[in-house]
């Protein structure tokens, strides 16, 4: 399925408006890049430049017109300069030289999926490169379920361990209290008895009194 769009060039800027026609045609070779969320990817495009030009990178999805991502002005005797009329993104870095250009995207997510291609503007002439399809896989529900299972299992193990330690500490404190309550201290108190007068001498019989003290 081929989509046709109108491209408007105005003061060195390129604007794509809504598609005008959609027809079904033959297939062609298309480079596909598959990435996981959080990956860094780089898309390349080859060309030949022997004169100053503006190089644009676009992303196209099946629900929107091509979206202009970034732009650089190629110069013969100096380094390329960013186009002042296009805001530059920190996640998308573009490089360009006389024979190739690249677009590097950091920490991709599923919203970055789409068809990427570059456009070269030389005076009034515009050429488009071959497209590269970037597919960023969404996180599967099975992976999410596995991660949640691991997290919950770890939390349960930690809570059970803490509960066992608390119960063991309480049992030790209770056993210590019961053992202390059962201990009885005895004190022997001696009192002299009255003097019994007997022939041949005096004798004293001590009286012993035991008292129990409970704590």
N, C-alpha and C. Protein backbone atom coordinates (compact mmCIF):
# COMPACT_ATOMS: atom_id res chain seq x y z
N UNK A 1 0.85 -1.18 0.00
CA UNK A 1 0.00 0.00 0.00
C UNK A 1 0.89 1.23 0.00
N UNK A 2 0.68 2.12 -0.95
CA UNK A 2 1.52 3.31 -1.11
C UNK A 2 0.69 4.54 -0.78
N UNK A 3 1.26 5.43 0.00
CA UNK A 3 0.59 6.68 0.36
C UNK A 3 1.29 7.83 -0.35
N UNK A 4 0.51 8.77 -0.87
CA UNK A 4 1.05 9.95 -1.54
C UNK A 4 0.76 11.18 -0.68
N UNK A 5 1.77 12.04 -0.58
CA UNK A 5 1.66 13.25 0.23
C UNK A 5 2.12 14.44 -0.58
N UNK A 6 1.65 15.59 -0.15
CA UNK A 6 2.07 16.85 -0.76
C UNK A 6 3.16 17.46 0.11
N UNK A 7 4.27 17.83 -0.49
CA UNK A 7 5.39 18.43 0.23
C UNK A 7 5.49 19.89 -0.16
N UNK A 8 5.50 20.78 0.83
CA UNK A 8 5.57 22.22 0.60
C UNK A 8 6.91 22.73 1.10
N UNK A 9 7.68 23.33 0.21
CA UNK A 9 8.97 23.93 0.57
C UNK A 9 8.77 25.44 0.70
N UNK A 10 9.16 25.96 1.86
CA UNK A 10 8.95 27.38 2.10
C UNK A 10 10.08 27.91 2.96
N UNK A 11 10.90 28.75 2.39
CA UNK A 11 12.02 29.36 3.09
C UNK A 11 12.90 28.31 3.76
N UNK A 12 13.34 27.39 2.97
CA UNK A 12 14.25 26.33 3.40
C UNK A 12 13.62 25.38 4.42
N UNK A 13 12.32 25.41 4.54
CA UNK A 13 11.64 24.46 5.42
C UNK A 13 10.76 23.55 4.59
N UNK A 14 10.58 22.34 5.09
CA UNK A 14 9.79 21.33 4.39
C UNK A 14 8.58 21.00 5.24
N UNK A 15 7.40 21.02 4.62
CA UNK A 15 6.16 20.74 5.33
C UNK A 15 5.39 19.69 4.56
N UNK A 16 4.97 18.63 5.25
CA UNK A 16 4.16 17.59 4.64
C UNK A 16 2.72 17.75 5.11
N UNK A 17 1.81 17.77 4.15
CA UNK A 17 0.39 17.91 4.48
C UNK A 17 -0.30 16.59 4.28
N UNK A 18 -1.60 16.57 4.47
CA UNK A 18 -2.34 15.32 4.47
C UNK A 18 -2.20 14.56 3.16
N UNK A 19 -2.28 13.23 3.25
CA UNK A 19 -2.18 12.39 2.07
C UNK A 19 -3.32 12.64 1.10
N UNK A 20 -3.02 12.53 -0.19
CA UNK A 20 -4.01 12.81 -1.21
C UNK A 20 -4.56 11.55 -1.85
N UNK A 21 -3.76 10.50 -1.90
CA UNK A 21 -4.18 9.32 -2.62
C UNK A 21 -3.54 8.10 -2.00
N UNK A 22 -4.25 7.00 -2.02
CA UNK A 22 -3.73 5.75 -1.49
C UNK A 22 -4.03 4.64 -2.48
N UNK A 23 -2.98 3.97 -2.94
CA UNK A 23 -3.15 2.89 -3.91
C UNK A 23 -2.36 1.69 -3.44
N UNK A 24 -2.68 0.55 -3.99
CA UNK A 24 -1.98 -0.69 -3.67
C UNK A 24 -1.00 -1.01 -4.78
N UNK A 25 0.25 -1.26 -4.37
CA UNK A 25 1.26 -1.53 -5.37
C UNK A 25 2.15 -2.67 -4.96
N UNK A 26 3.20 -2.92 -5.72
CA UNK A 26 4.13 -4.00 -5.44
C UNK A 26 4.98 -3.71 -4.23
N UNK A 27 5.54 -4.77 -3.67
CA UNK A 27 6.38 -4.64 -2.49
C UNK A 27 7.82 -4.41 -2.89
N UNK A 28 8.59 -3.82 -2.00
CA UNK A 28 10.00 -3.59 -2.23
C UNK A 28 10.77 -3.94 -0.97
N UNK A 29 12.07 -4.09 -1.14
CA UNK A 29 12.91 -4.46 -0.02
C UNK A 29 12.93 -3.34 1.01
N UNK A 30 12.68 -3.68 2.26
CA UNK A 30 12.62 -2.69 3.33
C UNK A 30 13.43 -3.19 4.51
N UNK A 31 14.35 -2.35 4.96
CA UNK A 31 15.17 -2.69 6.11
C UNK A 31 14.35 -2.50 7.38
N UNK A 32 14.35 -3.51 8.23
CA UNK A 32 13.59 -3.46 9.48
C UNK A 32 14.53 -3.60 10.67
N UNK A 33 14.40 -2.69 11.61
CA UNK A 33 15.16 -2.76 12.86
C UNK A 33 14.19 -3.08 13.99
N UNK A 34 14.54 -4.09 14.79
CA UNK A 34 13.72 -4.48 15.93
C UNK A 34 14.49 -4.14 17.20
N UNK A 35 13.85 -3.39 18.09
CA UNK A 35 14.51 -2.96 19.32
C UNK A 35 13.59 -3.20 20.51
N UNK A 36 14.21 -3.25 21.68
CA UNK A 36 13.47 -3.38 22.93
C UNK A 36 13.36 -2.00 23.58
N UNK A 37 12.34 -1.76 24.38
CA UNK A 37 12.23 -0.47 25.07
C UNK A 37 13.47 -0.17 25.89
N UNK A 38 14.00 1.05 25.74
CA UNK A 38 15.20 1.45 26.45
C UNK A 38 16.48 1.30 25.64
N UNK A 39 16.41 0.63 24.47
CA UNK A 39 17.60 0.47 23.63
C UNK A 39 17.96 1.77 22.93
N UNK A 40 19.22 1.86 22.50
CA UNK A 40 19.69 2.95 21.65
C UNK A 40 19.86 2.42 20.23
N UNK A 41 19.30 3.10 19.25
CA UNK A 41 19.37 2.64 17.86
C UNK A 41 19.93 3.76 16.99
N UNK A 42 20.54 3.36 15.88
CA UNK A 42 21.07 4.30 14.89
C UNK A 42 20.61 3.86 13.51
N UNK A 43 20.04 4.79 12.76
CA UNK A 43 19.55 4.53 11.41
C UNK A 43 20.44 5.29 10.43
N UNK A 44 20.88 4.58 9.38
CA UNK A 44 21.81 5.16 8.41
C UNK A 44 21.14 5.33 7.06
N UNK A 45 21.65 6.30 6.30
CA UNK A 45 21.20 6.52 4.93
C UNK A 45 22.40 7.00 4.11
N UNK A 46 22.58 6.39 2.94
CA UNK A 46 23.70 6.75 2.06
C UNK A 46 23.25 7.75 0.99
N UNK A 47 24.15 8.62 0.62
CA UNK A 47 23.89 9.60 -0.43
C UNK A 47 25.22 10.14 -0.94
N UNK A 48 25.17 11.00 -1.92
CA UNK A 48 26.36 11.66 -2.46
C UNK A 48 26.08 13.15 -2.56
N UNK A 49 26.87 13.93 -1.84
CA UNK A 49 26.69 15.37 -1.83
C UNK A 49 27.98 16.05 -2.28
N UNK A 50 27.87 16.88 -3.30
CA UNK A 50 29.01 17.66 -3.77
C UNK A 50 28.68 19.15 -3.81
N UNK A 51 27.61 19.51 -3.12
CA UNK A 51 27.19 20.91 -3.04
C UNK A 51 26.41 21.10 -1.75
N UNK A 52 26.26 22.34 -1.29
CA UNK A 52 25.50 22.58 -0.05
C UNK A 52 24.06 22.08 -0.19
N UNK A 53 23.53 21.58 0.91
CA UNK A 53 22.18 21.04 0.90
C UNK A 53 21.63 20.99 2.32
N UNK A 54 20.32 20.84 2.40
CA UNK A 54 19.65 20.62 3.67
C UNK A 54 19.22 19.16 3.74
N UNK A 55 19.49 18.53 4.88
CA UNK A 55 19.14 17.12 5.07
C UNK A 55 18.12 17.03 6.20
N UNK A 56 17.00 16.37 5.90
CA UNK A 56 15.91 16.23 6.86
C UNK A 56 15.69 14.75 7.17
N UNK A 57 15.28 14.48 8.42
CA UNK A 57 14.86 13.14 8.81
C UNK A 57 13.38 13.17 9.17
N UNK A 58 12.64 12.17 8.65
CA UNK A 58 11.21 12.07 8.88
C UNK A 58 10.88 10.73 9.55
N UNK A 59 9.77 10.73 10.27
CA UNK A 59 9.17 9.49 10.76
C UNK A 59 7.72 9.47 10.30
N UNK A 60 7.31 8.31 9.78
CA UNK A 60 5.96 8.18 9.24
C UNK A 60 5.29 6.96 9.88
N UNK A 61 4.09 7.16 10.39
CA UNK A 61 3.28 6.05 10.91
C UNK A 61 2.02 5.93 10.07
N UNK A 62 1.28 4.86 10.30
CA UNK A 62 0.08 4.62 9.49
C UNK A 62 -1.11 5.45 9.94
N UNK A 63 -0.93 6.28 10.95
CA UNK A 63 -2.04 7.10 11.43
C UNK A 63 -1.75 8.59 11.32
N UNK A 64 -0.66 8.97 10.68
CA UNK A 64 -0.33 10.39 10.58
C UNK A 64 0.49 10.65 9.33
N UNK A 65 0.62 11.90 8.99
CA UNK A 65 1.49 12.31 7.90
C UNK A 65 2.93 12.24 8.38
N UNK A 66 3.91 12.25 7.50
CA UNK A 66 5.31 12.23 7.93
C UNK A 66 5.62 13.37 8.89
N UNK A 67 6.32 13.03 9.95
CA UNK A 67 6.67 14.00 10.98
C UNK A 67 8.14 14.36 10.86
N UNK A 68 8.41 15.66 10.72
CA UNK A 68 9.78 16.13 10.60
C UNK A 68 10.47 16.08 11.95
N UNK A 69 11.58 15.34 12.02
CA UNK A 69 12.27 15.11 13.29
C UNK A 69 13.42 16.07 13.52
N UNK A 70 14.30 16.19 12.54
CA UNK A 70 15.49 17.00 12.70
C UNK A 70 16.03 17.41 11.34
N UNK A 71 16.94 18.36 11.35
CA UNK A 71 17.48 18.89 10.09
C UNK A 71 18.88 19.43 10.32
N UNK A 72 19.72 19.30 9.30
CA UNK A 72 21.05 19.90 9.31
C UNK A 72 21.35 20.49 7.93
N UNK A 73 22.14 21.54 7.96
CA UNK A 73 22.58 22.18 6.73
C UNK A 73 24.00 21.71 6.41
N UNK A 74 24.13 20.99 5.30
CA UNK A 74 25.44 20.47 4.89
C UNK A 74 26.20 21.56 4.15
N UNK A 75 27.49 21.72 4.53
CA UNK A 75 28.36 22.70 3.89
C UNK A 75 29.61 22.00 3.38
N UNK A 76 30.17 22.53 2.33
CA UNK A 76 31.33 21.88 1.72
C UNK A 76 32.60 22.05 2.55
N UNK A 77 32.81 23.21 3.11
CA UNK A 77 34.09 23.50 3.74
C UNK A 77 33.97 23.77 5.25
N UNK A 78 32.90 23.34 5.83
CA UNK A 78 32.74 23.50 7.28
C UNK A 78 31.80 22.41 7.80
N UNK A 79 31.72 22.32 9.08
CA UNK A 79 30.89 21.28 9.69
C UNK A 79 29.40 21.60 9.49
N UNK A 80 28.57 20.56 9.40
CA UNK A 80 27.13 20.79 9.26
C UNK A 80 26.58 21.55 10.46
N UNK A 81 25.58 22.36 10.19
CA UNK A 81 24.94 23.16 11.23
C UNK A 81 23.48 22.79 11.35
N UNK A 82 22.96 22.83 12.56
CA UNK A 82 21.54 22.53 12.78
C UNK A 82 20.67 23.62 12.17
N UNK A 83 19.53 23.21 11.68
CA UNK A 83 18.59 24.17 11.10
C UNK A 83 17.91 24.95 12.21
N UNK A 84 17.89 26.25 12.08
CA UNK A 84 17.33 27.10 13.13
C UNK A 84 15.82 27.03 13.20
N UNK A 85 15.16 26.60 12.14
CA UNK A 85 13.70 26.61 12.09
C UNK A 85 13.09 25.31 12.61
N UNK A 86 13.91 24.38 13.11
CA UNK A 86 13.41 23.11 13.63
C UNK A 86 13.96 22.90 15.04
N UNK A 87 13.13 22.74 16.03
CA UNK A 87 13.63 22.45 17.38
C UNK A 87 14.36 21.11 17.40
N UNK A 88 15.51 21.08 18.07
CA UNK A 88 16.31 19.88 18.15
C UNK A 88 15.95 19.09 19.41
N UNK A 89 15.86 17.79 19.27
CA UNK A 89 15.54 16.92 20.39
C UNK A 89 16.82 16.33 20.97
N UNK A 90 16.87 16.24 22.30
CA UNK A 90 18.05 15.67 22.95
C UNK A 90 18.12 14.16 22.75
N UNK A 91 16.98 13.52 22.46
CA UNK A 91 16.95 12.07 22.26
C UNK A 91 17.35 11.68 20.84
N UNK A 92 17.26 12.59 19.91
CA UNK A 92 17.54 12.28 18.51
C UNK A 92 18.70 13.14 18.03
N UNK A 93 19.80 12.49 17.73
CA UNK A 93 21.02 13.19 17.31
C UNK A 93 21.32 12.81 15.87
N UNK A 94 21.52 13.81 15.05
CA UNK A 94 21.76 13.60 13.62
C UNK A 94 23.19 13.95 13.27
N UNK A 95 23.80 13.14 12.41
CA UNK A 95 25.13 13.43 11.85
C UNK A 95 25.04 13.35 10.33
N UNK A 96 25.88 14.12 9.66
CA UNK A 96 25.84 14.15 8.19
C UNK A 96 27.22 14.48 7.65
N UNK A 97 27.54 13.85 6.52
CA UNK A 97 28.74 14.19 5.77
C UNK A 97 28.43 14.03 4.28
N UNK A 98 29.46 13.96 3.46
CA UNK A 98 29.23 13.99 2.01
C UNK A 98 28.64 12.70 1.46
N UNK A 99 28.77 11.58 2.16
CA UNK A 99 28.30 10.31 1.59
C UNK A 99 27.27 9.57 2.45
N UNK A 100 27.02 10.02 3.65
CA UNK A 100 26.01 9.33 4.47
C UNK A 100 25.54 10.24 5.59
N UNK A 101 24.41 9.89 6.14
CA UNK A 101 23.85 10.58 7.29
C UNK A 101 23.25 9.55 8.24
N UNK A 102 23.17 9.89 9.50
CA UNK A 102 22.65 8.96 10.50
C UNK A 102 21.73 9.69 11.46
N UNK A 103 20.83 8.91 12.05
CA UNK A 103 19.93 9.41 13.09
C UNK A 103 20.01 8.45 14.27
N UNK A 104 20.50 8.94 15.39
CA UNK A 104 20.64 8.12 16.60
C UNK A 104 19.53 8.49 17.58
N UNK A 105 18.84 7.47 18.08
CA UNK A 105 17.74 7.67 19.03
C UNK A 105 18.09 6.93 20.31
N UNK A 106 18.06 7.62 21.42
CA UNK A 106 18.39 7.02 22.71
C UNK A 106 17.11 6.63 23.45
N UNK A 107 17.20 5.50 24.15
CA UNK A 107 16.11 5.01 25.00
C UNK A 107 14.77 5.02 24.26
N UNK A 108 14.70 4.21 23.22
CA UNK A 108 13.49 4.17 22.41
C UNK A 108 12.34 3.56 23.20
N UNK A 109 11.13 3.90 22.81
CA UNK A 109 9.92 3.29 23.35
C UNK A 109 8.98 2.99 22.20
N UNK A 110 7.83 2.40 22.51
CA UNK A 110 6.95 1.93 21.44
C UNK A 110 6.42 3.07 20.58
N UNK A 111 6.40 4.31 21.10
CA UNK A 111 5.94 5.43 20.29
C UNK A 111 6.94 5.82 19.21
N UNK A 112 8.18 5.32 19.30
CA UNK A 112 9.18 5.61 18.28
C UNK A 112 9.06 4.69 17.07
N UNK A 113 8.20 3.71 17.13
CA UNK A 113 8.03 2.79 16.00
C UNK A 113 7.48 3.55 14.80
N UNK A 114 7.99 3.20 13.63
CA UNK A 114 7.52 3.85 12.42
C UNK A 114 8.52 3.73 11.30
N UNK A 115 8.21 4.39 10.19
CA UNK A 115 9.04 4.37 9.00
C UNK A 115 9.93 5.61 9.01
N UNK A 116 11.24 5.42 8.95
CA UNK A 116 12.20 6.52 9.00
C UNK A 116 12.90 6.65 7.64
N UNK A 117 13.05 7.87 7.19
CA UNK A 117 13.79 8.13 5.95
C UNK A 117 14.25 9.58 5.97
N UNK A 118 15.27 9.86 5.17
CA UNK A 118 15.80 11.22 5.10
C UNK A 118 15.46 11.84 3.75
N UNK A 119 15.45 13.15 3.75
CA UNK A 119 15.13 13.94 2.56
C UNK A 119 16.26 14.94 2.36
N UNK A 120 16.73 15.07 1.13
CA UNK A 120 17.81 15.99 0.81
C UNK A 120 17.26 17.06 -0.14
N UNK A 121 17.44 18.32 0.24
CA UNK A 121 16.97 19.44 -0.56
C UNK A 121 18.18 20.19 -1.13
N UNK A 122 18.28 20.17 -2.44
CA UNK A 122 19.31 20.94 -3.15
C UNK A 122 18.59 22.00 -3.98
N UNK A 123 18.70 23.22 -3.58
CA UNK A 123 17.98 24.32 -4.24
C UNK A 123 16.49 23.98 -4.30
N UNK A 124 15.97 23.77 -5.50
CA UNK A 124 14.54 23.47 -5.64
C UNK A 124 14.28 21.98 -5.82
N UNK A 125 15.31 21.16 -5.71
CA UNK A 125 15.16 19.72 -5.93
C UNK A 125 15.17 18.99 -4.58
N UNK A 126 14.28 18.02 -4.48
CA UNK A 126 14.16 17.22 -3.26
C UNK A 126 14.23 15.75 -3.63
N UNK A 127 15.08 15.02 -2.91
CA UNK A 127 15.18 13.58 -3.11
C UNK A 127 14.99 12.89 -1.76
N UNK A 128 14.40 11.69 -1.82
CA UNK A 128 14.15 10.89 -0.62
C UNK A 128 14.97 9.61 -0.66
N UNK A 129 15.42 9.20 0.49
CA UNK A 129 16.22 7.98 0.59
C UNK A 129 15.31 6.78 0.80
N UNK A 130 15.92 5.57 0.77
CA UNK A 130 15.17 4.37 1.12
C UNK A 130 14.79 4.43 2.60
N UNK A 131 13.66 3.84 2.90
CA UNK A 131 13.13 3.92 4.26
C UNK A 131 13.61 2.75 5.11
N UNK A 132 13.65 2.98 6.41
CA UNK A 132 13.96 1.95 7.40
C UNK A 132 12.82 1.90 8.41
N UNK A 133 12.30 0.70 8.62
CA UNK A 133 11.20 0.54 9.57
C UNK A 133 11.75 0.15 10.93
N UNK A 134 11.45 0.95 11.93
CA UNK A 134 11.87 0.68 13.30
C UNK A 134 10.68 0.13 14.08
N UNK A 135 10.86 -1.05 14.63
CA UNK A 135 9.82 -1.70 15.43
C UNK A 135 10.33 -1.84 16.86
N UNK A 136 9.69 -1.13 17.76
CA UNK A 136 10.02 -1.21 19.18
C UNK A 136 8.97 -2.07 19.86
N UNK A 137 9.39 -3.19 20.38
CA UNK A 137 8.46 -4.13 21.00
C UNK A 137 7.93 -3.57 22.31
N UNK A 138 6.65 -3.73 22.50
CA UNK A 138 6.05 -3.35 23.78
C UNK A 138 6.32 -4.43 24.80
N UNK A 139 6.40 -4.06 26.06
CA UNK A 139 6.64 -5.04 27.12
C UNK A 139 5.48 -6.02 27.17
N UNK A 140 5.80 -7.31 27.11
CA UNK A 140 4.76 -8.34 27.11
C UNK A 140 4.18 -8.51 28.50
N UNK A 141 2.92 -8.94 28.54
CA UNK A 141 2.24 -9.14 29.82
C UNK A 141 2.88 -10.27 30.62
N UNK A 142 3.43 -11.28 29.92
CA UNK A 142 4.07 -12.38 30.64
C UNK A 142 5.32 -11.92 31.37
N UNK A 143 6.11 -11.06 30.74
CA UNK A 143 7.29 -10.53 31.41
C UNK A 143 6.89 -9.69 32.62
N UNK A 144 5.84 -8.89 32.46
CA UNK A 144 5.38 -8.08 33.57
C UNK A 144 4.87 -8.95 34.71
N UNK A 145 4.14 -10.01 34.38
CA UNK A 145 3.63 -10.92 35.41
C UNK A 145 4.77 -11.60 36.14
N UNK A 146 5.81 -12.01 35.41
CA UNK A 146 6.96 -12.65 36.04
C UNK A 146 7.66 -11.70 37.00
N UNK A 147 7.85 -10.45 36.58
CA UNK A 147 8.51 -9.48 37.44
C UNK A 147 7.69 -9.22 38.70
N UNK A 148 6.36 -9.09 38.54
CA UNK A 148 5.52 -8.87 39.71
C UNK A 148 5.55 -10.07 40.65
N UNK A 149 5.58 -11.28 40.08
CA UNK A 149 5.64 -12.48 40.91
C UNK A 149 6.92 -12.52 41.73
N UNK A 150 8.04 -12.18 41.11
CA UNK A 150 9.32 -12.17 41.82
C UNK A 150 9.30 -11.13 42.94
N UNK A 151 8.78 -9.95 42.65
CA UNK A 151 8.75 -8.88 43.65
C UNK A 151 7.87 -9.27 44.84
N UNK A 152 6.67 -9.77 44.55
CA UNK A 152 5.76 -10.16 45.64
C UNK A 152 6.33 -11.32 46.46
N UNK A 153 6.99 -12.27 45.80
CA UNK A 153 7.59 -13.39 46.53
C UNK A 153 8.67 -12.90 47.48
N UNK A 154 9.50 -11.97 47.01
CA UNK A 154 10.55 -11.43 47.87
C UNK A 154 9.96 -10.69 49.06
N UNK A 155 8.90 -9.92 48.82
CA UNK A 155 8.26 -9.19 49.93
C UNK A 155 7.68 -10.16 50.95
N UNK A 156 7.03 -11.23 50.49
CA UNK A 156 6.44 -12.21 51.40
C UNK A 156 7.51 -12.89 52.24
N UNK A 157 8.64 -13.27 51.62
CA UNK A 157 9.73 -13.91 52.36
C UNK A 157 10.27 -12.97 53.44
N UNK A 158 10.45 -11.70 53.10
CA UNK A 158 10.97 -10.73 54.08
C UNK A 158 9.99 -10.56 55.24
N UNK A 159 8.70 -10.45 54.93
CA UNK A 159 7.70 -10.28 55.99
C UNK A 159 7.63 -11.50 56.89
N UNK A 160 7.67 -12.71 56.30
CA UNK A 160 7.64 -13.92 57.11
C UNK A 160 8.86 -14.01 58.02
N UNK A 161 10.03 -13.68 57.48
CA UNK A 161 11.24 -13.69 58.30
C UNK A 161 11.15 -12.72 59.47
N UNK A 162 10.65 -11.51 59.20
CA UNK A 162 10.50 -10.53 60.28
C UNK A 162 9.49 -11.01 61.32
N UNK A 163 8.39 -11.63 60.87
CA UNK A 163 7.38 -12.13 61.80
C UNK A 163 7.94 -13.24 62.69
N UNK A 164 8.71 -14.15 62.11
CA UNK A 164 9.31 -15.23 62.90
C UNK A 164 10.26 -14.68 63.96
N UNK A 165 11.06 -13.68 63.59
CA UNK A 165 12.00 -13.09 64.54
C UNK A 165 11.24 -12.42 65.69
N UNK A 166 10.15 -11.70 65.36
CA UNK A 166 9.37 -11.02 66.40
C UNK A 166 8.74 -12.03 67.35
N UNK A 167 8.12 -13.09 66.81
CA UNK A 167 7.49 -14.11 67.66
C UNK A 167 8.51 -14.82 68.53
N UNK A 168 9.67 -15.11 67.97
CA UNK A 168 10.71 -15.78 68.76
C UNK A 168 11.19 -14.90 69.89
N UNK A 169 11.34 -13.60 69.64
CA UNK A 169 11.76 -12.68 70.69
C UNK A 169 10.73 -12.57 71.79
N UNK A 170 9.44 -12.53 71.42
CA UNK A 170 8.39 -12.48 72.44
C UNK A 170 8.36 -13.74 73.29
N UNK A 171 8.57 -14.91 72.67
CA UNK A 171 8.57 -16.17 73.42
C UNK A 171 9.71 -16.20 74.42
N UNK A 172 10.88 -15.73 74.00
CA UNK A 172 12.01 -15.71 74.92
C UNK A 172 11.75 -14.79 76.10
N UNK A 173 11.12 -13.64 75.85
CA UNK A 173 10.81 -12.72 76.95
C UNK A 173 9.79 -13.33 77.90
N UNK A 174 8.77 -14.03 77.37
CA UNK A 174 7.75 -14.65 78.21
C UNK A 174 8.34 -15.78 79.05
N UNK A 175 9.19 -16.61 78.45
CA UNK A 175 9.83 -17.70 79.20
C UNK A 175 10.71 -17.15 80.31
N UNK A 176 11.42 -16.07 80.03
CA UNK A 176 12.26 -15.48 81.06
C UNK A 176 11.46 -14.92 82.22
N UNK A 177 10.30 -14.34 81.91
CA UNK A 177 9.45 -13.79 82.98
C UNK A 177 8.88 -14.90 83.85
N UNK A 178 8.42 -16.01 83.24
CA UNK A 178 7.87 -17.12 84.01
C UNK A 178 8.93 -17.78 84.88
N UNK A 179 10.14 -17.92 84.34
CA UNK A 179 11.21 -18.53 85.12
C UNK A 179 11.59 -17.65 86.31
N UNK A 180 11.58 -16.36 86.13
CA UNK A 180 11.90 -15.45 87.22
C UNK A 180 10.84 -15.44 88.30
N UNK A 181 9.58 -15.65 87.89
CA UNK A 181 8.49 -15.66 88.88
C UNK A 181 8.53 -16.90 89.74
N UNK A 182 9.08 -18.01 89.23
CA UNK A 182 9.12 -19.26 89.98
C UNK A 182 10.30 -19.34 90.94
N UNK A 183 11.23 -18.43 90.83
CA UNK A 183 12.39 -18.47 91.72
C UNK A 183 12.00 -17.92 93.10
N UNK A 184 12.43 -18.61 94.11
CA UNK A 184 12.12 -18.22 95.49
C UNK A 184 13.43 -18.02 96.25
N UNK A 185 13.51 -16.90 96.88
CA UNK A 185 14.70 -16.61 97.69
C UNK A 185 14.37 -16.87 99.17
N UNK A 186 15.21 -17.63 99.76
CA UNK A 186 15.04 -17.96 101.17
C UNK A 186 16.10 -17.22 101.99
N UNK A 187 15.64 -16.65 103.07
CA UNK A 187 16.58 -15.98 103.98
C UNK A 187 16.46 -16.62 105.36
N UNK A 188 17.53 -17.01 105.89
CA UNK A 188 17.55 -17.64 107.21
C UNK A 188 17.84 -16.58 108.26
N UNK A 189 16.89 -16.47 109.17
CA UNK A 189 17.05 -15.51 110.25
C UNK A 189 17.23 -16.28 111.57
N UNK A 190 18.20 -15.98 112.32
CA UNK A 190 18.50 -16.64 113.58
C UNK A 190 18.18 -15.70 114.74
N UNK A 191 17.40 -16.25 115.73
CA UNK A 191 17.08 -15.49 116.94
C UNK A 191 17.55 -16.31 118.15
N UNK A 192 18.21 -15.71 119.09
CA UNK A 192 18.63 -16.46 120.31
C UNK A 192 17.43 -16.76 121.18
N UNK A 193 17.34 -18.00 121.68
CA UNK A 193 16.26 -18.41 122.57
C UNK A 193 16.57 -17.98 124.01
N UNK A 194 15.53 -18.11 124.84
CA UNK A 194 15.74 -17.74 126.23
C UNK A 194 16.73 -18.68 126.90
N UNK A 195 17.43 -18.18 127.85
CA UNK A 195 18.47 -18.95 128.53
C UNK A 195 17.84 -20.02 129.40
N UNK A 196 18.25 -21.28 129.16
CA UNK A 196 17.79 -22.38 129.99
C UNK A 196 18.88 -22.70 131.02
N UNK A 197 18.49 -22.59 132.18
CA UNK A 197 19.47 -22.85 133.23
C UNK A 197 19.50 -24.33 133.52
N UNK A 198 20.60 -24.93 133.31
CA UNK A 198 20.80 -26.33 133.62
C UNK A 198 22.07 -26.46 134.44
N UNK A 199 22.07 -27.51 135.09
CA UNK A 199 23.29 -27.74 135.86
C UNK A 199 24.42 -28.06 134.93
N UNK A 200 25.45 -27.51 135.19
CA UNK A 200 26.64 -27.80 134.38
C UNK A 200 26.87 -26.80 133.28
N UNK A 201 26.03 -25.79 133.10
CA UNK A 201 26.34 -24.78 132.07
C UNK A 201 25.12 -24.23 131.39
N UNK A 202 25.35 -23.30 130.50
CA UNK A 202 24.29 -22.64 129.74
C UNK A 202 24.31 -23.14 128.30
N UNK A 203 23.15 -23.31 127.71
CA UNK A 203 23.08 -23.70 126.28
C UNK A 203 22.01 -22.88 125.58
N UNK A 204 22.29 -22.53 124.39
CA UNK A 204 21.36 -21.75 123.58
C UNK A 204 20.98 -22.53 122.33
N UNK A 205 19.67 -22.60 122.07
CA UNK A 205 19.19 -23.27 120.85
C UNK A 205 18.68 -22.22 119.87
N UNK A 206 19.33 -22.12 118.78
CA UNK A 206 18.89 -21.08 117.81
C UNK A 206 17.59 -21.49 117.15
N UNK A 207 16.74 -20.52 116.92
CA UNK A 207 15.50 -20.72 116.17
C UNK A 207 15.67 -20.13 114.76
N UNK A 208 15.32 -20.93 113.80
CA UNK A 208 15.51 -20.53 112.40
C UNK A 208 14.15 -20.26 111.78
N UNK A 209 14.00 -19.11 111.16
CA UNK A 209 12.75 -18.72 110.50
C UNK A 209 13.03 -18.51 109.02
N UNK A 210 12.26 -19.22 108.19
CA UNK A 210 12.43 -19.11 106.74
C UNK A 210 11.30 -18.26 106.17
N UNK A 211 11.70 -17.39 105.38
CA UNK A 211 10.68 -16.57 104.69
C UNK A 211 10.89 -16.68 103.19
N UNK A 212 9.81 -16.76 102.52
CA UNK A 212 9.89 -16.84 101.04
C UNK A 212 9.52 -15.50 100.43
N UNK A 213 10.30 -15.12 99.51
CA UNK A 213 10.07 -13.83 98.81
C UNK A 213 9.89 -14.12 97.34
N UNK A 214 8.78 -13.70 96.79
CA UNK A 214 8.52 -13.91 95.35
C UNK A 214 8.63 -12.57 94.62
N UNK A 215 9.17 -12.64 93.43
CA UNK A 215 9.33 -11.44 92.59
C UNK A 215 8.37 -11.54 91.45
